[in-house]
All heavy atoms as atom14 arrays in JSON, in Angstrom:
{
  "sequence": "QKWTYQIGLHGESLGVHSVAGSSSVEWGSAAGKQPLTWHKAYFNA",
  "atom14_mask": [
    [1, 1, 1, 1, 1, 1, 1, 1, 1, 0, 0, 0, 0, 0],
    [1, 1, 1, 1, 1, 1, 1, 1, 1, 0, 0, 0, 0, 0],
    [1, 1, 1, 1, 1, 1, 1, 1, 1, 1, 1, 1, 1, 1],
    [1, 1, 1, 1, 1, 1, 1, 0, 0, 0, 0, 0, 0, 0],
    [1, 1, 1, 1, 1, 1, 1, 1, 1, 1, 1, 1, 0, 0],
    [1, 1, 1, 1, 1, 1, 1, 1, 1, 0, 0, 0, 0, 0],
    [1, 1, 1, 1, 1, 1, 1, 1, 0, 0, 0, 0, 0, 0],
    [1, 1, 1, 1, 0, 0, 0, 0, 0, 0, 0, 0, 0, 0],
    [1, 1, 1, 1, 1, 1, 1, 1, 0, 0, 0, 0, 0, 0],
    [1, 1, 1, 1, 1, 1, 1, 1, 1, 1, 0, 0, 0, 0],
    [1, 1, 1, 1, 0, 0, 0, 0, 0, 0, 0, 0, 0, 0],
    [1, 1, 1, 1, 1, 1, 1, 1, 1, 0, 0, 0, 0, 0],
    [1, 1, 1, 1, 1, 1, 0, 0, 0, 0, 0, 0, 0, 0],
    [1, 1, 1, 1, 1, 1, 1, 1, 0, 0, 0, 0, 0, 0],
    [1, 1, 1, 1, 0, 0, 0, 0, 0, 0, 0, 0, 0, 0],
    [1, 1, 1, 1, 1, 1, 1, 0, 0, 0, 0, 0, 0, 0],
    [1, 1, 1, 1, 1, 1, 1, 1, 1, 1, 0, 0, 0, 0],
    [1, 1, 1, 1, 1, 1, 0, 0, 0, 0, 0, 0, 0, 0],
    [1, 1, 1, 1, 1, 1, 1, 0, 0, 0, 0, 0, 0, 0],
    [1, 1, 1, 1, 1, 0, 0, 0, 0, 0, 0, 0, 0, 0],
    [1, 1, 1, 1, 0, 0, 0, 0, 0, 0, 0, 0, 0, 0],
    [1, 1, 1, 1, 1, 1, 0, 0, 0, 0, 0, 0, 0, 0],
    [1, 1, 1, 1, 1, 1, 0, 0, 0, 0, 0, 0, 0, 0],
    [1, 1, 1, 1, 1, 1, 0, 0, 0, 0, 0, 0, 0, 0],
    [1, 1, 1, 1, 1, 1, 1, 0, 0, 0, 0, 0, 0, 0],
    [1, 1, 1, 1, 1, 1, 1, 1, 1, 0, 0, 0, 0, 0],
    [1, 1, 1, 1, 1, 1, 1, 1, 1, 1, 1, 1, 1, 1],
    [1, 1, 1, 1, 0, 0, 0, 0, 0, 0, 0, 0, 0, 0],
    [1, 1, 1, 1, 1, 1, 0, 0, 0, 0, 0, 0, 0, 0],
    [1, 1, 1, 1, 1, 0, 0, 0, 0, 0, 0, 0, 0, 0],
    [1, 1, 1, 1, 1, 0, 0, 0, 0, 0, 0, 0, 0, 0],
    [1, 1, 1, 1, 0, 0, 0, 0, 0, 0, 0, 0, 0, 0],
    [1, 1, 1, 1, 1, 1, 1, 1, 1, 0, 0, 0, 0, 0],
    [1, 1, 1, 1, 1, 1, 1, 1, 1, 0, 0, 0, 0, 0],
    [1, 1, 1, 1, 1, 1, 1, 0, 0, 0, 0, 0, 0, 0],
    [1, 1, 1, 1, 1, 1, 1, 1, 0, 0, 0, 0, 0, 0],
    [1, 1, 1, 1, 1, 1, 1, 0, 0, 0, 0, 0, 0, 0],
    [1, 1, 1, 1, 1, 1, 1, 1, 1, 1, 1, 1, 1, 1],
    [1, 1, 1, 1, 1, 1, 1, 1, 1, 1, 0, 0, 0, 0],
    [1, 1, 1, 1, 1, 1, 1, 1, 1, 0, 0, 0, 0, 0],
    [1, 1, 1, 1, 1, 0, 0, 0, 0, 0, 0, 0, 0, 0],
    [1, 1, 1, 1, 1, 1, 1, 1, 1, 1, 1, 1, 0, 0],
    [1, 1, 1, 1, 1, 1, 1, 1, 1, 1, 1, 0, 0, 0],
    [1, 1, 1, 1, 1, 1, 1, 1, 0, 0, 0, 0, 0, 0],
    [1, 1, 1, 1, 1, 0, 0, 0, 0, 0, 0, 0, 0, 0]
  ],
  "atom14_positions": [
    [[24.59, -12.54, 33.77], [24.58, -13.25, 32.48], [24.35, -12.27, 31.34], [24.23, -11.05, 31.55], [23.54, -14.36, 32.5], [22.1, -13.93, 32.69], [21.19, -15.16, 32.84], [21.46, -16.07, 33.64], [20.1, -15.2, 32.07], [0.0, 0.0, 0.0], [0.0, 0.0, 0.0], [0.0, 0.0, 0.0], [0.0, 0.0, 0.0], [0.0, 0.0, 0.0]],
    [[24.28, -12.77, 30.13], [24.08, -11.88, 28.98], [22.65, -11.34, 28.99], [21.69, -12.08, 29.2], [24.36, -12.63, 27.67], [25.83, -12.85, 27.39], [26.07, -13.17, 25.94], [27.52, -13.44, 25.64], [28.42, -12.35, 26.06], [0.0, 0.0, 0.0], [0.0, 0.0, 0.0], [0.0, 0.0, 0.0], [0.0, 0.0, 0.0], [0.0, 0.0, 0.0]],
    [[22.54, -10.02, 28.74], [21.24, -9.35, 28.61], [21.2, -8.62, 27.27], [22.2, -8.06, 26.84], [21.02, -8.35, 29.74], [20.75, -8.99, 31.07], [21.68, -9.55, 31.92], [19.48, -9.16, 31.7], [21.07, -10.03, 33.03], [19.71, -9.81, 32.94], [18.17, -8.84, 31.35], [18.68, -10.13, 33.83], [17.14, -9.13, 32.23], [17.39, -9.79, 33.44]],
    [[20.04, -8.66, 26.64], [19.84, -7.94, 25.39], [18.98, -6.7, 25.67], [18.01, -6.78, 26.42], [19.17, -8.83, 24.34], [20.01, -9.97, 24.11], [18.97, -8.09, 23.03], [0.0, 0.0, 0.0], [0.0, 0.0, 0.0], [0.0, 0.0, 0.0], [0.0, 0.0, 0.0], [0.0, 0.0, 0.0], [0.0, 0.0, 0.0], [0.0, 0.0, 0.0]],
    [[19.4, -5.6, 25.09], [18.76, -4.3, 25.38], [18.17, -3.71, 24.13], [18.7, -3.84, 23.02], [19.8, -3.33, 25.96], [20.37, -3.82, 27.27], [21.55, -4.57, 27.3], [19.7, -3.57, 28.46], [22.05, -5.05, 28.49], [20.21, -4.05, 29.66], [21.37, -4.79, 29.67], [21.85, -5.28, 30.86], [0.0, 0.0, 0.0], [0.0, 0.0, 0.0]],
    [[17.05, -3.03, 24.31], [16.47, -2.21, 23.24], [15.99, -0.92, 23.84], [15.23, -0.89, 24.81], [15.31, -2.94, 22.57], [14.7, -2.13, 21.42], [13.63, -2.91, 20.69], [13.9, -3.93, 20.1], [12.41, -2.42, 20.74], [0.0, 0.0, 0.0], [0.0, 0.0, 0.0], [0.0, 0.0, 0.0], [0.0, 0.0, 0.0], [0.0, 0.0, 0.0]],
    [[16.45, 0.19, 23.23], [16.06, 1.52, 23.7], [14.71, 1.89, 23.11], [14.52, 1.87, 21.89], [17.12, 2.56, 23.27], [18.46, 2.26, 23.97], [16.65, 3.98, 23.61], [19.63, 2.97, 23.35], [0.0, 0.0, 0.0], [0.0, 0.0, 0.0], [0.0, 0.0, 0.0], [0.0, 0.0, 0.0], [0.0, 0.0, 0.0], [0.0, 0.0, 0.0]],
    [[13.77, 2.19, 23.97], [12.46, 2.65, 23.5], [11.59, 1.54, 23.0], [11.99, 0.37, 22.9], [0.0, 0.0, 0.0], [0.0, 0.0, 0.0], [0.0, 0.0, 0.0], [0.0, 0.0, 0.0], [0.0, 0.0, 0.0], [0.0, 0.0, 0.0], [0.0, 0.0, 0.0], [0.0, 0.0, 0.0], [0.0, 0.0, 0.0], [0.0, 0.0, 0.0]],
    [[10.38, 1.9, 22.64], [9.4, 0.95, 22.14], [9.4, 0.95, 20.61], [9.78, 1.93, 19.99], [8.0, 1.32, 22.65], [7.87, 1.41, 24.17], [6.44, 1.82, 24.54], [8.22, 0.08, 24.82], [0.0, 0.0, 0.0], [0.0, 0.0, 0.0], [0.0, 0.0, 0.0], [0.0, 0.0, 0.0], [0.0, 0.0, 0.0], [0.0, 0.0, 0.0]],
    [[8.93, -0.15, 20.03], [8.87, -0.25, 18.58], [7.95, 0.84, 18.02], [8.26, 1.49, 17.02], [8.38, -1.64, 18.19], [8.49, -1.9, 16.71], [9.66, -1.81, 16.0], [7.53, -2.25, 15.8], [9.44, -2.08, 14.74], [8.17, -2.36, 14.59], [0.0, 0.0, 0.0], [0.0, 0.0, 0.0], [0.0, 0.0, 0.0], [0.0, 0.0, 0.0]],
    [[6.82, 1.06, 18.7], [5.89, 2.1, 18.26], [6.5, 3.48, 18.29], [6.18, 4.34, 17.46], [0.0, 0.0, 0.0], [0.0, 0.0, 0.0], [0.0, 0.0, 0.0], [0.0, 0.0, 0.0], [0.0, 0.0, 0.0], [0.0, 0.0, 0.0], [0.0, 0.0, 0.0], [0.0, 0.0, 0.0], [0.0, 0.0, 0.0], [0.0, 0.0, 0.0]],
    [[7.42, 3.72, 19.27], [8.12, 5.02, 19.31], [9.01, 5.18, 18.07], [9.03, 6.25, 17.44], [8.99, 5.11, 20.56], [8.23, 5.4, 21.83], [9.18, 5.55, 23.01], [9.89, 4.58, 23.34], [9.21, 6.64, 23.6], [0.0, 0.0, 0.0], [0.0, 0.0, 0.0], [0.0, 0.0, 0.0], [0.0, 0.0, 0.0], [0.0, 0.0, 0.0]],
    [[9.73, 4.12, 17.73], [10.65, 4.2, 16.58], [9.88, 4.4, 15.28], [10.39, 5.01, 14.35], [11.53, 2.93, 16.5], [10.75, 1.82, 16.14], [0.0, 0.0, 0.0], [0.0, 0.0, 0.0], [0.0, 0.0, 0.0], [0.0, 0.0, 0.0], [0.0, 0.0, 0.0], [0.0, 0.0, 0.0], [0.0, 0.0, 0.0], [0.0, 0.0, 0.0]],
    [[8.65, 3.91, 15.23], [7.82, 4.09, 14.04], [7.1, 5.44, 14.06], [6.47, 5.83, 13.05], [6.78, 2.97, 13.94], [7.33, 1.56, 13.71], [6.22, 0.54, 13.8], [8.03, 1.46, 12.35], [0.0, 0.0, 0.0], [0.0, 0.0, 0.0], [0.0, 0.0, 0.0], [0.0, 0.0, 0.0], [0.0, 0.0, 0.0], [0.0, 0.0, 0.0]],
    [[7.13, 6.12, 15.19], [6.44, 7.42, 15.3], [4.94, 7.31, 15.22], [4.28, 8.19, 14.65], [0.0, 0.0, 0.0], [0.0, 0.0, 0.0], [0.0, 0.0, 0.0], [0.0, 0.0, 0.0], [0.0, 0.0, 0.0], [0.0, 0.0, 0.0], [0.0, 0.0, 0.0], [0.0, 0.0, 0.0], [0.0, 0.0, 0.0], [0.0, 0.0, 0.0]],
    [[4.38, 6.23, 15.81], [2.92, 6.03, 15.66], [2.11, 7.11, 16.37], [0.9, 7.22, 16.16], [2.48, 4.63, 16.14], [3.13, 3.54, 15.33], [2.73, 4.44, 17.62], [0.0, 0.0, 0.0], [0.0, 0.0, 0.0], [0.0, 0.0, 0.0], [0.0, 0.0, 0.0], [0.0, 0.0, 0.0], [0.0, 0.0, 0.0], [0.0, 0.0, 0.0]],
    [[2.77, 7.93, 17.22], [2.05, 9.02, 17.89], [1.78, 10.19, 16.93], [0.97, 11.05, 17.24], [2.88, 9.53, 19.09], [4.16, 10.17, 18.67], [5.33, 9.44, 18.49], [4.49, 11.46, 18.39], [6.3, 10.25, 18.13], [5.81, 11.48, 18.04], [0.0, 0.0, 0.0], [0.0, 0.0, 0.0], [0.0, 0.0, 0.0], [0.0, 0.0, 0.0]],
    [[2.46, 10.21, 15.81], [2.33, 11.33, 14.87], [1.3, 11.01, 13.79], [0.95, 9.85, 13.56], [3.69, 11.63, 14.2], [4.07, 10.56, 13.37], [0.0, 0.0, 0.0], [0.0, 0.0, 0.0], [0.0, 0.0, 0.0], [0.0, 0.0, 0.0], [0.0, 0.0, 0.0], [0.0, 0.0, 0.0], [0.0, 0.0, 0.0], [0.0, 0.0, 0.0]],
    [[0.84, 12.05, 13.11], [-0.14, 11.88, 12.07], [0.42, 10.99, 10.94], [-0.25, 10.07, 10.45], [-0.59, 13.25, 11.51], [-1.55, 13.07, 10.34], [-1.26, 14.08, 12.62], [0.0, 0.0, 0.0], [0.0, 0.0, 0.0], [0.0, 0.0, 0.0], [0.0, 0.0, 0.0], [0.0, 0.0, 0.0], [0.0, 0.0, 0.0], [0.0, 0.0, 0.0]],
    [[1.67, 11.26, 10.57], [2.28, 10.47, 9.49], [2.6, 9.05, 9.96], [2.3, 8.08, 9.25], [3.55, 11.16, 9.0], [0.0, 0.0, 0.0], [0.0, 0.0, 0.0], [0.0, 0.0, 0.0], [0.0, 0.0, 0.0], [0.0, 0.0, 0.0], [0.0, 0.0, 0.0], [0.0, 0.0, 0.0], [0.0, 0.0, 0.0], [0.0, 0.0, 0.0]],
    [[3.17, 8.93, 11.15], [3.6, 7.62, 11.64], [2.46, 6.7, 11.99], [2.63, 5.47, 11.97], [0.0, 0.0, 0.0], [0.0, 0.0, 0.0], [0.0, 0.0, 0.0], [0.0, 0.0, 0.0], [0.0, 0.0, 0.0], [0.0, 0.0, 0.0], [0.0, 0.0, 0.0], [0.0, 0.0, 0.0], [0.0, 0.0, 0.0], [0.0, 0.0, 0.0]],
    [[1.3, 7.25, 12.31], [0.19, 6.38, 12.73], [-0.29, 5.48, 11.59], [-0.9, 4.44, 11.83], [-0.98, 7.22, 13.25], [-1.53, 8.03, 12.21], [0.0, 0.0, 0.0], [0.0, 0.0, 0.0], [0.0, 0.0, 0.0], [0.0, 0.0, 0.0], [0.0, 0.0, 0.0], [0.0, 0.0, 0.0], [0.0, 0.0, 0.0], [0.0, 0.0, 0.0]],
    [[0.02, 5.88, 10.37], [-0.41, 5.05, 9.23], [0.57, 3.93, 8.91], [0.35, 3.16, 7.99], [-0.58, 5.94, 7.99], [0.65, 6.57, 7.66], [0.0, 0.0, 0.0], [0.0, 0.0, 0.0], [0.0, 0.0, 0.0], [0.0, 0.0, 0.0], [0.0, 0.0, 0.0], [0.0, 0.0, 0.0], [0.0, 0.0, 0.0], [0.0, 0.0, 0.0]],
    [[1.66, 3.83, 9.71], [2.7, 2.84, 9.4], [2.41, 1.5, 10.07], [3.18, 0.54, 9.88], [4.07, 3.35, 9.85], [4.08, 3.54, 11.25], [0.0, 0.0, 0.0], [0.0, 0.0, 0.0], [0.0, 0.0, 0.0], [0.0, 0.0, 0.0], [0.0, 0.0, 0.0], [0.0, 0.0, 0.0], [0.0, 0.0, 0.0], [0.0, 0.0, 0.0]],
    [[1.34, 1.4, 10.86], [1.02, 0.13, 11.51], [-0.44, -0.21, 11.25], [-1.24, 0.62, 10.85], [1.25, 0.19, 13.04], [2.71, 0.44, 13.35], [0.38, 1.23, 13.71], [0.0, 0.0, 0.0], [0.0, 0.0, 0.0], [0.0, 0.0, 0.0], [0.0, 0.0, 0.0], [0.0, 0.0, 0.0], [0.0, 0.0, 0.0], [0.0, 0.0, 0.0]],
    [[-0.79, -1.5, 11.45], [-2.16, -1.96, 11.3], [-2.9, -1.77, 12.62], [-2.54, -2.35, 13.63], [-2.17, -3.45, 10.92], [-1.72, -3.75, 9.5], [-2.76, -3.3, 8.48], [-3.97, -3.41, 8.77], [-2.37, -2.83, 7.38], [0.0, 0.0, 0.0], [0.0, 0.0, 0.0], [0.0, 0.0, 0.0], [0.0, 0.0, 0.0], [0.0, 0.0, 0.0]],
    [[-3.91, -0.91, 12.59], [-4.72, -0.69, 13.79], [-5.92, -1.63, 13.74], [-6.57, -1.77, 12.7], [-5.21, 0.76, 13.85], [-4.07, 1.75, 13.99], [-3.32, 2.28, 12.99], [-3.57, 2.3, 15.21], [-2.37, 3.13, 13.51], [-2.51, 3.17, 14.88], [-3.93, 2.16, 16.56], [-1.79, 3.88, 15.83], [-3.21, 2.87, 17.52], [-2.16, 3.71, 17.16]],
    [[-6.24, -2.25, 14.88], [-7.38, -3.17, 14.96], [-8.44, -2.61, 15.88], [-8.43, -1.46, 16.28], [0.0, 0.0, 0.0], [0.0, 0.0, 0.0], [0.0, 0.0, 0.0], [0.0, 0.0, 0.0], [0.0, 0.0, 0.0], [0.0, 0.0, 0.0], [0.0, 0.0, 0.0], [0.0, 0.0, 0.0], [0.0, 0.0, 0.0], [0.0, 0.0, 0.0]],
    [[-9.41, -3.48, 16.21], [-10.49, -3.05, 17.1], [-9.92, -2.75, 18.47], [-8.86, -3.23, 18.86], [-11.56, -4.12, 17.18], [-10.97, -5.35, 17.58], [0.0, 0.0, 0.0], [0.0, 0.0, 0.0], [0.0, 0.0, 0.0], [0.0, 0.0, 0.0], [0.0, 0.0, 0.0], [0.0, 0.0, 0.0], [0.0, 0.0, 0.0], [0.0, 0.0, 0.0]],
    [[-10.65, -1.91, 19.21], [-10.16, -1.41, 20.5], [-9.83, -2.55, 21.45], [-10.64, -3.46, 21.65], [-11.2, -0.5, 21.13], [0.0, 0.0, 0.0], [0.0, 0.0, 0.0], [0.0, 0.0, 0.0], [0.0, 0.0, 0.0], [0.0, 0.0, 0.0], [0.0, 0.0, 0.0], [0.0, 0.0, 0.0], [0.0, 0.0, 0.0], [0.0, 0.0, 0.0]],
    [[-8.63, -2.49, 22.01], [-8.17, -3.53, 22.94], [-7.94, -2.91, 24.31], [-6.81, -2.58, 24.68], [-6.87, -4.18, 22.42], [0.0, 0.0, 0.0], [0.0, 0.0, 0.0], [0.0, 0.0, 0.0], [0.0, 0.0, 0.0], [0.0, 0.0, 0.0], [0.0, 0.0, 0.0], [0.0, 0.0, 0.0], [0.0, 0.0, 0.0], [0.0, 0.0, 0.0]],
    [[-9.02, -2.67, 25.03], [-8.9, -2.06, 26.36], [-8.3, -3.02, 27.36], [-8.33, -4.23, 27.19], [0.0, 0.0, 0.0], [0.0, 0.0, 0.0], [0.0, 0.0, 0.0], [0.0, 0.0, 0.0], [0.0, 0.0, 0.0], [0.0, 0.0, 0.0], [0.0, 0.0, 0.0], [0.0, 0.0, 0.0], [0.0, 0.0, 0.0], [0.0, 0.0, 0.0]],
    [[-7.75, -2.47, 28.41], [-7.21, -3.22, 29.55], [-6.06, -4.15, 29.16], [-5.72, -5.06, 29.89], [-8.32, -3.98, 30.25], [-9.43, -3.03, 30.72], [-10.38, -3.64, 31.7], [-11.41, -2.61, 32.18], [-12.48, -3.15, 32.97], [0.0, 0.0, 0.0], [0.0, 0.0, 0.0], [0.0, 0.0, 0.0], [0.0, 0.0, 0.0], [0.0, 0.0, 0.0]],
    [[-5.44, -3.91, 28.03], [-4.25, -4.67, 27.63], [-3.02, -3.85, 27.96], [-2.96, -2.66, 27.66], [-4.26, -4.95, 26.12], [-5.37, -5.88, 25.67], [-5.23, -7.28, 26.24], [-4.15, -7.86, 26.19], [-6.29, -7.78, 26.82], [0.0, 0.0, 0.0], [0.0, 0.0, 0.0], [0.0, 0.0, 0.0], [0.0, 0.0, 0.0], [0.0, 0.0, 0.0]],
    [[-1.98, -4.47, 28.57], [-0.76, -3.7, 28.81], [-0.03, -3.4, 27.52], [-0.16, -4.14, 26.53], [0.06, -4.62, 29.72], [-0.43, -5.99, 29.41], [-1.87, -5.86, 29.03], [0.0, 0.0, 0.0], [0.0, 0.0, 0.0], [0.0, 0.0, 0.0], [0.0, 0.0, 0.0], [0.0, 0.0, 0.0], [0.0, 0.0, 0.0], [0.0, 0.0, 0.0]],
    [[0.72, -2.32, 27.55], [1.61, -1.93, 26.47], [0.91, -1.91, 25.1], [1.25, -2.64, 24.2], [2.82, -2.87, 26.44], [4.18, -2.16, 26.22], [4.39, -1.07, 27.25], [5.31, -3.14, 26.27], [0.0, 0.0, 0.0], [0.0, 0.0, 0.0], [0.0, 0.0, 0.0], [0.0, 0.0, 0.0], [0.0, 0.0, 0.0], [0.0, 0.0, 0.0]],
    [[-0.1, -1.05, 25.01], [-0.92, -0.96, 23.8], [-1.06, 0.52, 23.4], [-1.25, 1.38, 24.25], [-2.3, -1.59, 24.03], [-2.13, -2.93, 24.47], [-3.11, -1.57, 22.75], [0.0, 0.0, 0.0], [0.0, 0.0, 0.0], [0.0, 0.0, 0.0], [0.0, 0.0, 0.0], [0.0, 0.0, 0.0], [0.0, 0.0, 0.0], [0.0, 0.0, 0.0]],
    [[-0.98, 0.75, 22.11], [-1.24, 2.08, 21.54], [-2.71, 2.15, 21.14], [-3.26, 1.2, 20.6], [-0.37, 2.32, 20.31], [1.1, 2.3, 20.57], [1.91, 1.19, 20.66], [1.96, 3.41, 20.74], [3.2, 1.54, 20.91], [3.28, 2.92, 20.94], [1.77, 4.79, 20.74], [4.38, 3.73, 21.16], [2.87, 5.62, 20.95], [4.15, 5.09, 21.16]],
    [[-3.34, 3.29, 21.41], [-4.73, 3.5, 21.03], [-4.83, 4.81, 20.27], [-4.14, 5.78, 20.61], [-5.64, 3.57, 22.25], [-5.47, 2.41, 23.2], [-5.95, 1.14, 22.94], [-4.86, 2.33, 24.42], [-5.66, 0.34, 23.94], [-4.99, 1.03, 24.85], [0.0, 0.0, 0.0], [0.0, 0.0, 0.0], [0.0, 0.0, 0.0], [0.0, 0.0, 0.0]],
    [[-5.73, 4.87, 19.28], [-5.93, 6.14, 18.57], [-7.4, 6.39, 18.34], [-8.21, 5.48, 18.25], [-5.15, 6.16, 17.24], [-5.79, 5.38, 16.11], [-5.1, 5.71, 14.77], [-5.78, 4.97, 13.62], [-5.22, 5.31, 12.31], [0.0, 0.0, 0.0], [0.0, 0.0, 0.0], [0.0, 0.0, 0.0], [0.0, 0.0, 0.0], [0.0, 0.0, 0.0]],
    [[-7.71, 7.68, 18.27], [-9.08, 8.11, 18.0], [-9.04, 9.47, 17.34], [-8.07, 10.23, 17.49], [-9.89, 8.18, 19.3], [0.0, 0.0, 0.0], [0.0, 0.0, 0.0], [0.0, 0.0, 0.0], [0.0, 0.0, 0.0], [0.0, 0.0, 0.0], [0.0, 0.0, 0.0], [0.0, 0.0, 0.0], [0.0, 0.0, 0.0], [0.0, 0.0, 0.0]],
    [[-10.09, 9.77, 16.6], [-10.22, 11.11, 15.97], [-11.35, 11.87, 16.64], [-12.35, 11.26, 17.08], [-10.5, 10.97, 14.47], [-9.31, 10.42, 13.7], [-9.2, 9.06, 13.46], [-8.3, 11.27, 13.25], [-8.1, 8.54, 12.77], [-7.2, 10.76, 12.55], [-7.11, 9.4, 12.32], [-6.01, 8.91, 11.66], [0.0, 0.0, 0.0], [0.0, 0.0, 0.0]],
    [[-11.23, 13.18, 16.72], [-12.28, 13.95, 17.38], [-12.29, 15.38, 16.81], [-11.33, 15.85, 16.22], [-12.04, 14.02, 18.89], [-10.82, 14.77, 19.33], [-10.9, 16.11, 19.73], [-9.56, 14.17, 19.33], [-9.77, 16.82, 20.13], [-8.43, 14.87, 19.72], [-8.53, 16.21, 20.12], [0.0, 0.0, 0.0], [0.0, 0.0, 0.0], [0.0, 0.0, 0.0]],
    [[-13.42, 16.03, 17.0], [-13.59, 17.43, 16.6], [-13.36, 18.32, 17.82], [-13.65, 17.93, 18.95], [-14.98, 17.68, 16.04], [-15.22, 16.88, 14.77], [-14.27, 16.52, 14.06], [-16.49, 16.58, 14.48], [0.0, 0.0, 0.0], [0.0, 0.0, 0.0], [0.0, 0.0, 0.0], [0.0, 0.0, 0.0], [0.0, 0.0, 0.0], [0.0, 0.0, 0.0]],
    [[-12.85, 19.51, 17.57], [-12.62, 20.46, 18.66], [-13.96, 20.91, 19.23], [-14.9, 21.16, 18.48], [-11.82, 21.66, 18.17], [0.0, 0.0, 0.0], [0.0, 0.0, 0.0], [0.0, 0.0, 0.0], [0.0, 0.0, 0.0], [0.0, 0.0, 0.0], [0.0, 0.0, 0.0], [0.0, 0.0, 0.0], [0.0, 0.0, 0.0], [0.0, 0.0, 0.0]]
  ]
}
C-alpha cells in the first residue's frame, strides 16, 4: 500500500546537535527513559 517516507529526524534537519542549531528548539526539563529524545547539557573541561 502507500507509504510516506521522511529521511532523517526533524532534530537532525534543525541541527540541534550544533551550538547554533540547539537554540532553534524549546528545551524542557529532563525527560529520561523516553524514546527518541534529544538531551543537552553544559560542562567544563
